[in-house]
Amino acid sequence: MKAIVIEDENSAVDNLKYLLDAVAPDVKIAQVIDTVSDAVELFEQQDDFDLIFMDIHLADGHSFEIFQQVVPSASIIFTTAYDQYAIQAFKFNSIDYLLKPIQEEELKKAIEKFRNQKSSNGLTESSIQKLLSTIESKPQKFRQSYLVQKGDKLLPILTHHFAFFFIQSGVVRGTTKERQTYHLDGKLEDVEKELNPKDFFRANRQFLVQRAAIQSLSIYFNGRLIVNTSPESPEQIIVSKANAPKLKNWLNQG
């Protein structure tokens, strides 16, 4: 069985490969793609896959943007850390929706569901409604606080007190509205997954900014934007031309 993975996190790809070897060794990953543009190019040239594992957040946008240009015929299992995209995901030819980190038993069930639906000519209306009901019932859980060190003390800081998170000298730091900066363990990608995407926006590879901290946007050359925050960021927060419309839409949504 020929599968393709559309995912921009190497660790997530490795985890999926490991789990597939355990629960469905006949599913062979033919290719791994990490951007919307590459996925569109591939599907325009080749569409003979049986199954697609698709992350929703990709390096250059949301995977839903793929379907605005091309609709692959293969069935899709969406994977993401954000439960809020479940309903939109099932508008497409989706078999299941797996929340990261993917669990072996959940993947096994999704593969079994794919096999059953493939033999019965795809999804039925009742099965779609059942899937939607299941996903709608899952509560959204986001990080509420971070335990940080200050001297010889450990302080719990509520997430909404952070104005932005950023990478400095390879270390993830968080700056609060009171202009206090703390070291955080892990990667910025991990922090992004733990926070409510309605409140925090990944401006670029270095910065994750809270909505309330954004004071204004400055127009930069080549269609880019500069995010002006309060407190002021340690360096300019520059948003690429590709992400500038997404930031505007995000701010407009309130």
C-alpha atoms as a PDB file:
ATOM      1  CA  MET A   1       0.000   0.000   0.000  1.00  0.00           C
ATOM      2  CA  LYS A   2       1.512   3.288  -1.129  1.00  0.00           C
ATOM      3  CA  ALA A   3       1.370   6.265   1.241  1.00  0.00           C
ATOM      4  CA  ILE A   4       2.675   9.807   1.283  1.00  0.00           C
ATOM      5  CA  VAL A   5       3.417  11.961   4.330  1.00  0.00           C
ATOM      6  CA  ILE A   6       2.917  15.725   4.243  1.00  0.00           C
ATOM      7  CA  GLU A   7       4.624  16.949   7.413  1.00  0.00           C
ATOM      8  CA  ASP A   8       7.248  19.554   8.304  1.00  0.00           C
ATOM      9  CA  GLU A   9       8.468  18.096  11.606  1.00  0.00           C
ATOM     10  CA  ASN A  10      11.153  15.437  11.302  1.00  0.00           C
ATOM     11  CA  SER A  11      10.379  14.030  14.736  1.00  0.00           C
ATOM     12  CA  ALA A  12       6.722  13.568  13.784  1.00  0.00           C
ATOM     13  CA  VAL A  13       7.719  11.775  10.561  1.00  0.00           C
ATOM     14  CA  ASP A  14      10.065   9.466  12.465  1.00  0.00           C
ATOM     15  CA  ASN A  15       7.358   8.689  15.011  1.00  0.00           C
ATOM     16  CA  LEU A  16       4.826   7.907  12.280  1.00  0.00           C
ATOM     17  CA  LYS A  17       7.261   5.595  10.483  1.00  0.00           C
ATOM     18  CA  TYR A  18       7.985   3.762  13.716  1.00  0.00           C
ATOM     19  CA  LEU A  19       4.294   3.304  14.500  1.00  0.00           C
ATOM     20  CA  LEU A  20       3.441   2.187  10.962  1.00  0.00           C
ATOM     21  CA  ASP A  21       6.104  -0.500  11.133  1.00  0.00           C
ATOM     22  CA  ALA A  22       4.363  -1.798  14.240  1.00  0.00           C
ATOM     23  CA  VAL A  23       0.687  -1.592  13.236  1.00  0.00           C
ATOM     24  CA  ALA A  24       0.681  -1.636   9.403  1.00  0.00           C
ATOM     25  CA  PRO A  25       3.975  -2.835   7.889  1.00  0.00           C
ATOM     26  CA  ASP A  26       2.332  -3.126   4.464  1.00  0.00           C
ATOM     27  CA  VAL A  27       1.855   0.654   4.354  1.00  0.00           C
ATOM     28  CA  LYS A  28       4.965   1.964   2.610  1.00  0.00           C
ATOM     29  CA  ILE A  29       5.830   5.664   2.694  1.00  0.00           C
ATOM     30  CA  ALA A  30       6.800   6.633  -0.836  1.00  0.00           C
ATOM     31  CA  GLN A  31       7.615  10.269  -0.147  1.00  0.00           C
ATOM     32  CA  VAL A  32       7.714  12.942   2.565  1.00  0.00           C
ATOM     33  CA  ILE A  33       6.787  16.545   1.701  1.00  0.00           C
ATOM     34  CA  ASP A  34       6.890  19.535   4.043  1.00  0.00           C
ATOM     35  CA  THR A  35       5.272  22.429   2.143  1.00  0.00           C
ATOM     36  CA  VAL A  36       1.979  23.330   0.494  1.00  0.00           C
ATOM     37  CA  SER A  37       3.676  24.289  -2.758  1.00  0.00           C
ATOM     38  CA  ASP A  38       5.567  20.996  -3.065  1.00  0.00           C
ATOM     39  CA  ALA A  39       2.401  19.031  -2.298  1.00  0.00           C
ATOM     40  CA  VAL A  40       0.459  20.838  -5.023  1.00  0.00           C
ATOM     41  CA  GLU A  41       3.263  20.234  -7.525  1.00  0.00           C
ATOM     42  CA  LEU A  42       3.381  16.538  -6.649  1.00  0.00           C
ATOM     43  CA  PHE A  43      -0.384  15.969  -6.901  1.00  0.00           C
ATOM     44  CA  GLU A  44      -0.491  17.757 -10.268  1.00  0.00           C
ATOM     45  CA  GLN A  45       2.086  15.305 -11.603  1.00  0.00           C
ATOM     46  CA  GLN A  46       1.247  12.147  -9.673  1.00  0.00           C
ATOM     47  CA  ASP A  47      -1.937  10.948  -7.992  1.00  0.00           C
ATOM     48  CA  ASP A  48      -1.592   7.217  -7.524  1.00  0.00           C
ATOM     49  CA  PHE A  49      -1.285   7.114  -3.737  1.00  0.00           C
ATOM     50  CA  ASP A  50      -3.579   4.993  -1.591  1.00  0.00           C
ATOM     51  CA  LEU A  51      -3.288   7.006   1.600  1.00  0.00           C
ATOM     52  CA  ILE A  52      -2.063  10.431   2.693  1.00  0.00           C
ATOM     53  CA  PHE A  53      -0.933  11.373   6.192  1.00  0.00           C
ATOM     54  CA  MET A  54      -1.292  15.136   6.283  1.00  0.00           C
ATOM     55  CA  ASP A  55      -0.295  17.625   8.961  1.00  0.00           C
ATOM     56  CA  ILE A  56      -2.430  20.770   8.955  1.00  0.00           C
ATOM     57  CA  HIS A  57       0.306  23.269   9.850  1.00  0.00           C
ATOM     58  CA  LEU A  58       3.049  23.166   7.218  1.00  0.00           C
ATOM     59  CA  ALA A  59       6.200  25.180   6.634  1.00  0.00           C
ATOM     60  CA  ASP A  60       4.499  27.614   4.245  1.00  0.00           C
ATOM     61  CA  GLY A  61       0.866  27.573   5.388  1.00  0.00           C
ATOM     62  CA  HIS A  62      -2.130  25.343   6.124  1.00  0.00           C
ATOM     63  CA  SER A  63      -2.568  22.103   4.223  1.00  0.00           C
ATOM     64  CA  PHE A  64      -6.161  23.132   3.416  1.00  0.00           C
ATOM     65  CA  GLU A  65      -4.614  25.540   0.909  1.00  0.00           C
ATOM     66  CA  ILE A  66      -3.576  22.507  -1.148  1.00  0.00           C
ATOM     67  CA  PHE A  67      -7.225  21.724  -1.917  1.00  0.00           C
ATOM     68  CA  GLN A  68      -7.776  25.190  -3.332  1.00  0.00           C
ATOM     69  CA  GLN A  69      -5.498  24.192  -6.202  1.00  0.00           C
ATOM     70  CA  VAL A  70      -5.743  20.400  -6.479  1.00  0.00           C
ATOM     71  CA  VAL A  71      -7.779  17.653  -4.827  1.00  0.00           C
ATOM     72  CA  PRO A  72      -5.932  14.321  -4.510  1.00  0.00           C
ATOM     73  CA  SER A  73      -7.984  11.166  -4.955  1.00  0.00           C
ATOM     74  CA  ALA A  74      -6.325   9.291  -2.092  1.00  0.00           C
ATOM     75  CA  SER A  75      -7.921   9.097   1.342  1.00  0.00           C
ATOM     76  CA  ILE A  76      -6.465  11.352   4.014  1.00  0.00           C
ATOM     77  CA  ILE A  77      -5.621  10.930   7.678  1.00  0.00           C
ATOM     78  CA  PHE A  78      -5.056  14.378   9.124  1.00  0.00           C
ATOM     79  CA  THR A  79      -2.520  14.822  11.930  1.00  0.00           C
ATOM     80  CA  THR A  80      -2.104  17.935  14.037  1.00  0.00           C
ATOM     81  CA  ALA A  81      -1.749  19.262  17.555  1.00  0.00           C
ATOM     82  CA  TYR A  82      -4.781  21.527  17.105  1.00  0.00           C
ATOM     83  CA  ASP A  83      -8.244  20.095  17.643  1.00  0.00           C
ATOM     84  CA  GLN A  84      -9.921  23.221  16.251  1.00  0.00           C
ATOM     85  CA  TYR A  85      -9.333  22.154  12.627  1.00  0.00           C
ATOM     86  CA  ALA A  86     -11.268  18.888  12.924  1.00  0.00           C
ATOM     87  CA  ILE A  87     -14.494  20.002  11.276  1.00  0.00           C
ATOM     88  CA  GLN A  88     -12.762  21.705   8.370  1.00  0.00           C
ATOM     89  CA  ALA A  89     -10.607  18.612   7.855  1.00  0.00           C
ATOM     90  CA  PHE A  90     -13.620  16.389   7.299  1.00  0.00           C
ATOM     91  CA  LYS A  91     -14.895  18.525   4.435  1.00  0.00           C
ATOM     92  CA  PHE A  92     -12.289  16.678   2.414  1.00  0.00           C
ATOM     93  CA  ASN A  93     -11.808  12.955   1.752  1.00  0.00           C
ATOM     94  CA  SER A  94     -10.685  12.304   5.310  1.00  0.00           C
ATOM     95  CA  ILE A  95     -10.588   8.892   6.979  1.00  0.00           C
ATOM     96  CA  ASP A  96      -9.655  10.114  10.431  1.00  0.00           C
ATOM     97  CA  TYR A  97      -8.162  12.908  12.474  1.00  0.00           C
ATOM     98  CA  LEU A  98      -5.273  12.111  14.821  1.00  0.00           C
ATOM     99  CA  LEU A  99      -4.052  14.478  17.499  1.00  0.00           C
ATOM    100  CA  LYS A 100      -0.298  14.702  18.077  1.00  0.00           C
ATOM    101  CA  PRO A 101       1.586  13.042  19.556  1.00  0.00           C
ATOM    102  CA  ILE A 102       0.040  10.141  17.646  1.00  0.00           C
ATOM    103  CA  GLN A 103      -0.652   7.078  19.758  1.00  0.00           C
ATOM    104  CA  GLU A 104      -0.149   3.553  18.410  1.00  0.00           C
ATOM    105  CA  GLU A 105      -3.676   2.397  19.204  1.00  0.00           C
ATOM    106  CA  GLU A 106      -5.242   5.462  17.560  1.00  0.00           C
ATOM    107  CA  LEU A 107      -3.167   4.970  14.413  1.00  0.00           C
ATOM    108  CA  LYS A 108      -4.108   1.293  14.319  1.00  0.00           C
ATOM    109  CA  LYS A 109      -7.807   2.180  14.482  1.00  0.00           C
ATOM    110  CA  ALA A 110      -7.396   4.770  11.718  1.00  0.00           C
ATOM    111  CA  ILE A 111      -5.661   2.264   9.425  1.00  0.00           C
ATOM    112  CA  GLU A 112      -8.378  -0.321  10.079  1.00  0.00           C
ATOM    113  CA  LYS A 113     -11.010   2.293   9.303  1.00  0.00           C
ATOM    114  CA  PHE A 114      -9.232   3.076   6.043  1.00  0.00           C
ATOM    115  CA  ARG A 115      -9.145  -0.584   5.012  1.00  0.00           C
ATOM    116  CA  ASN A 116     -12.847  -1.075   5.794  1.00  0.00           C
ATOM    117  CA  GLN A 117     -13.954   2.072   3.986  1.00  0.00           C
ATOM    118  CA  LYS A 118     -11.741   1.339   0.993  1.00  0.00           C
ATOM    119  CA  SER A 119     -13.433  -2.024   0.540  1.00  0.00           C
ATOM    120  CA  SER A 120     -16.873  -0.443   0.848  1.00  0.00           C
ATOM    121  CA  ASN A 121     -16.267   2.449  -1.591  1.00  0.00           C
ATOM    122  CA  GLY A 122     -15.339   5.119   0.903  1.00  0.00           C
ATOM    123  CA  LEU A 123     -17.068   7.061   3.616  1.00  0.00           C
ATOM    124  CA  THR A 124     -20.784   6.911   4.224  1.00  0.00           C
ATOM    125  CA  GLU A 125     -22.803   9.822   5.521  1.00  0.00           C
ATOM    126  CA  SER A 126     -23.416   8.028   8.823  1.00  0.00           C
ATOM    127  CA  SER A 127     -19.711   7.277   9.327  1.00  0.00           C
ATOM    128  CA  ILE A 128     -18.811  10.903   8.656  1.00  0.00           C
ATOM    129  CA  GLN A 129     -21.356  12.109  11.196  1.00  0.00           C
ATOM    130  CA  LYS A 130     -20.039   9.612  13.726  1.00  0.00           C
ATOM    131  CA  LEU A 131     -16.485  10.838  13.218  1.00  0.00           C
ATOM    132  CA  LEU A 132     -17.528  14.472  13.530  1.00  0.00           C
ATOM    133  CA  SER A 133     -19.472  13.775  16.717  1.00  0.00           C
ATOM    134  CA  THR A 134     -16.465  12.039  18.215  1.00  0.00           C
ATOM    135  CA  ILE A 135     -14.113  14.881  17.407  1.00  0.00           C
ATOM    136  CA  GLU A 136     -16.500  17.627  18.498  1.00  0.00           C
ATOM    137  CA  SER A 137     -16.714  15.949  21.891  1.00  0.00           C
ATOM    138  CA  LYS A 138     -12.955  16.154  22.470  1.00  0.00           C
ATOM    139  CA  PRO A 139     -12.165  19.079  24.783  1.00  0.00           C
ATOM    140  CA  GLN A 140      -9.528  21.538  23.658  1.00  0.00           C
ATOM    141  CA  LYS A 141      -6.625  21.647  26.089  1.00  0.00           C
ATOM    142  CA  PHE A 142      -3.948  24.302  25.993  1.00  0.00           C
ATOM    143  CA  ARG A 143      -1.059  25.114  28.311  1.00  0.00           C
ATOM    144  CA  GLN A 144      -2.129  27.348  31.181  1.00  0.00           C
ATOM    145  CA  SER A 145       1.248  28.171  32.737  1.00  0.00           C
ATOM    146  CA  TYR A 146       4.998  27.593  32.608  1.00  0.00           C
ATOM    147  CA  LEU A 147       7.190  26.858  35.604  1.00  0.00           C
ATOM    148  CA  VAL A 148      10.297  29.022  35.236  1.00  0.00           C
ATOM    149  CA  GLN A 149      13.387  29.534  37.343  1.00  0.00           C
ATOM    150  CA  LYS A 150      14.372  32.843  38.913  1.00  0.00           C
ATOM    151  CA  GLY A 151      17.417  32.586  41.114  1.00  0.00           C
ATOM    152  CA  ASP A 152      16.791  29.755  43.572  1.00  0.00           C
ATOM    153  CA  LYS A 153      13.026  29.838  43.066  1.00  0.00           C
ATOM    154  CA  LEU A 154      10.617  28.240  40.617  1.00  0.00           C
ATOM    155  CA  LEU A 155       7.774  30.528  39.539  1.00  0.00           C
ATOM    156  CA  PRO A 156       4.535  29.536  37.785  1.00  0.00           C
ATOM    157  CA  ILE A 157       3.832  32.142  35.082  1.00  0.00           C
ATOM    158  CA  LEU A 158       0.425  32.091  33.398  1.00  0.00           C
ATOM    159  CA  THR A 159       0.673  31.842  29.605  1.00  0.00           C
ATOM    160  CA  HIS A 160      -1.416  34.973  29.018  1.00  0.00           C
ATOM    161  CA  HIS A 161       1.197  36.967  30.958  1.00  0.00           C
ATOM    162  CA  PHE A 162       3.756  36.280  28.223  1.00  0.00           C
ATOM    163  CA  ALA A 163       3.953  38.917  25.495  1.00  0.00           C
ATOM    164  CA  PHE A 164       6.095  36.777  23.219  1.00  0.00           C
ATOM    165  CA  PHE A 165       8.355  33.740  23.085  1.00  0.00           C
ATOM    166  CA  PHE A 166      11.549  33.747  21.055  1.00  0.00           C
ATOM    167  CA  ILE A 167      14.805  31.955  20.327  1.00  0.00           C
ATOM    168  CA  GLN A 168      18.016  33.635  21.421  1.00  0.00           C
ATOM    169  CA  SER A 169      21.407  31.919  21.110  1.00  0.00           C
ATOM    170  CA  GLY A 170      19.623  28.639  20.541  1.00  0.00           C
ATOM    171  CA  VAL A 171      17.604  28.932  23.758  1.00  0.00           C
ATOM    172  CA  VAL A 172      13.837  29.471  23.994  1.00  0.00           C
ATOM    173  CA  ARG A 173      12.896  32.434  26.170  1.00  0.00           C
ATOM    174  CA  GLY A 174       9.616  34.038  27.132  1.00  0.00           C
ATOM    175  CA  THR A 175       9.158  37.733  27.895  1.00  0.00           C
ATOM    176  CA  THR A 176       6.222  38.801  30.044  1.00  0.00           C
ATOM    177  CA  LYS A 177       4.188  41.980  29.809  1.00  0.00           C
ATOM    178  CA  GLU A 178       6.157  43.168  32.848  1.00  0.00           C
ATOM    179  CA  ARG A 179       9.370  42.928  30.761  1.00  0.00           C
ATOM    180  CA  GLN A 180      10.715  39.911  32.628  1.00  0.00           C
ATOM    181  CA  THR A 181      12.449  37.299  30.471  1.00  0.00           C
ATOM    182  CA  TYR A 182      12.736  33.645  31.452  1.00  0.00           C
ATOM    183  CA  HIS A 183      14.392  30.567  30.004  1.00  0.00           C
ATOM    184  CA  LEU A 184      12.095  27.734  28.881  1.00  0.00           C
ATOM    185  CA  ASP A 185      12.976  24.117  28.199  1.00  0.00           C
ATOM    186  CA  GLY A 186      12.258  22.546  24.822  1.00  0.00           C
ATOM    187  CA  LYS A 187      11.817  23.995  21.351  1.00  0.00           C
ATOM    188  CA  LEU A 188       9.762  26.933  20.142  1.00  0.00           C
ATOM    189  CA  GLU A 189       7.748  24.454  18.065  1.00  0.00           C
ATOM    190  CA  ASP A 190       6.786  22.671  21.291  1.00  0.00           C
ATOM    191  CA  VAL A 191       5.659  25.935  22.891  1.00  0.00           C
ATOM    192  CA  GLU A 192       3.604  26.786  19.802  1.00  0.00           C
ATOM    193  CA  LYS A 193       1.718  23.491  19.987  1.00  0.00           C
ATOM    194  CA  GLU A 194       0.908  24.006  23.670  1.00  0.00           C
ATOM    195  CA  LEU A 195      -0.662  27.446  23.269  1.00  0.00           C
ATOM    196  CA  ASN A 196      -4.069  28.484  21.984  1.00  0.00           C
ATOM    197  CA  PRO A 197      -3.595  29.548  18.327  1.00  0.00           C
ATOM    198  CA  LYS A 198      -6.306  32.150  18.824  1.00  0.00           C
ATOM    199  CA  ASP A 199      -4.005  33.969  21.270  1.00  0.00           C
ATOM    200  CA  PHE A 200      -0.519  33.365  19.853  1.00  0.00           C
ATOM    201  CA  PHE A 201       0.802  33.690  16.298  1.00  0.00           C
ATOM    202  CA  ARG A 202       4.017  32.202  14.918  1.00  0.00           C
ATOM    203  CA  ALA A 203       5.420  35.301  13.245  1.00  0.00           C
ATOM    204  CA  ASN A 204       8.592  33.622  11.986  1.00  0.00           C
ATOM    205  CA  ARG A 205      11.093  30.961  12.998  1.00  0.00           C
ATOM    206  CA  GLN A 206      12.309  33.069  15.926  1.00  0.00           C
ATOM    207  CA  PHE A 207       9.124  34.601  17.389  1.00  0.00           C
ATOM    208  CA  LEU A 208       5.754  33.519  18.730  1.00  0.00           C
ATOM    209  CA  VAL A 209       3.696  36.604  19.614  1.00  0.00           C
ATOM    210  CA  GLN A 210       0.610  37.106  21.753  1.00  0.00           C
ATOM    211  CA  ARG A 211      -2.255  39.038  20.189  1.00  0.00           C
ATOM    212  CA  ALA A 212      -2.526  41.525  23.064  1.00  0.00           C
ATOM    213  CA  ALA A 213       1.174  42.400  22.781  1.00  0.00           C
ATOM    214  CA  ILE A 214       0.915  43.560  19.158  1.00  0.00           C
ATOM    215  CA  GLN A 215       0.662  47.352  19.058  1.00  0.00           C
ATOM    216  CA  SER A 216       0.957  47.900  15.308  1.00  0.00           C
ATOM    217  CA  LEU A 217       2.311  46.551  12.028  1.00  0.00           C
ATOM    218  CA  SER A 218       4.829  48.403   9.889  1.00  0.00           C
ATOM    219  CA  ILE A 219       4.995  47.868   6.149  1.00  0.00           C
ATOM    220  CA  TYR A 220       8.389  46.481   5.171  1.00  0.00           C
ATOM    221  CA  PHE A 221       9.863  46.065   1.679  1.00  0.00           C
ATOM    222  CA  ASN A 222       9.006  43.125  -0.599  1.00  0.00           C
ATOM    223  CA  GLY A 223       5.557  42.715   0.947  1.00  0.00           C
ATOM    224  CA  ARG A 224       6.845  41.882   4.405  1.00  0.00           C
ATOM    225  CA  LEU A 225       5.644  43.279   7.727  1.00  0.00           C
ATOM    226  CA  ILE A 226       7.295  44.292  10.994  1.00  0.00           C
ATOM    227  CA  VAL A 227       5.398  43.474  14.180  1.00  0.00           C
ATOM    228  CA  ASN A 228       5.687  46.169  16.822  1.00  0.00           C
ATOM    229  CA  THR A 229       5.079  44.876  20.333  1.00  0.00           C
ATOM    230  CA  SER A 230       4.771  46.131  23.868  1.00  0.00           C
ATOM    231  CA  PRO A 231       7.082  45.434  25.547  1.00  0.00           C
ATOM    232  CA  GLU A 232       9.508  45.933  22.693  1.00  0.00           C
ATOM    233  CA  SER A 233      11.071  42.782  21.285  1.00  0.00           C
ATOM    234  CA  PRO A 234      14.870  42.344  21.511  1.00  0.00           C
ATOM    235  CA  GLU A 235      15.062  42.367  17.704  1.00  0.00           C
ATOM    236  CA  GLN A 236      12.778  43.190  14.814  1.00  0.00           C
ATOM    237  CA  ILE A 237       9.962  40.708  14.296  1.00  0.00           C
ATOM    238  CA  ILE A 238       9.753  40.429  10.508  1.00  0.00           C
ATOM    239  CA  VAL A 239       6.876  38.512   8.911  1.00  0.00           C
ATOM    240  CA  SER A 240       7.456  37.080   5.449  1.00  0.00           C
ATOM    241  CA  LYS A 241       5.409  38.035   2.397  1.00  0.00           C
ATOM    242  CA  ALA A 242       3.765  34.596   2.471  1.00  0.00           C
ATOM    243  CA  ASN A 243       2.740  34.889   6.130  1.00  0.00           C
ATOM    244  CA  ALA A 244       1.747  38.571   6.072  1.00  0.00           C
ATOM    245  CA  PRO A 245      -1.844  37.896   4.835  1.00  0.00           C
ATOM    246  CA  LYS A 246      -2.245  35.168   7.453  1.00  0.00           C
ATOM    247  CA  LEU A 247      -1.212  37.559  10.220  1.00  0.00           C
ATOM    248  CA  LYS A 248      -3.662  40.200   8.977  1.00  0.00           C
ATOM    249  CA  ASN A 249      -6.487  37.677   8.828  1.00  0.00           C
ATOM    250  CA  TRP A 250      -5.607  36.393  12.291  1.00  0.00           C
ATOM    251  CA  LEU A 251      -5.706  39.912  13.753  1.00  0.00           C
ATOM    252  CA  ASN A 252      -8.965  40.659  11.957  1.00  0.00           C
ATOM    253  CA  GLN A 253     -10.631  37.592  13.406  1.00  0.00           C
ATOM    254  CA  GLY A 254     -10.294  38.911  16.940  1.00  0.00           C
END
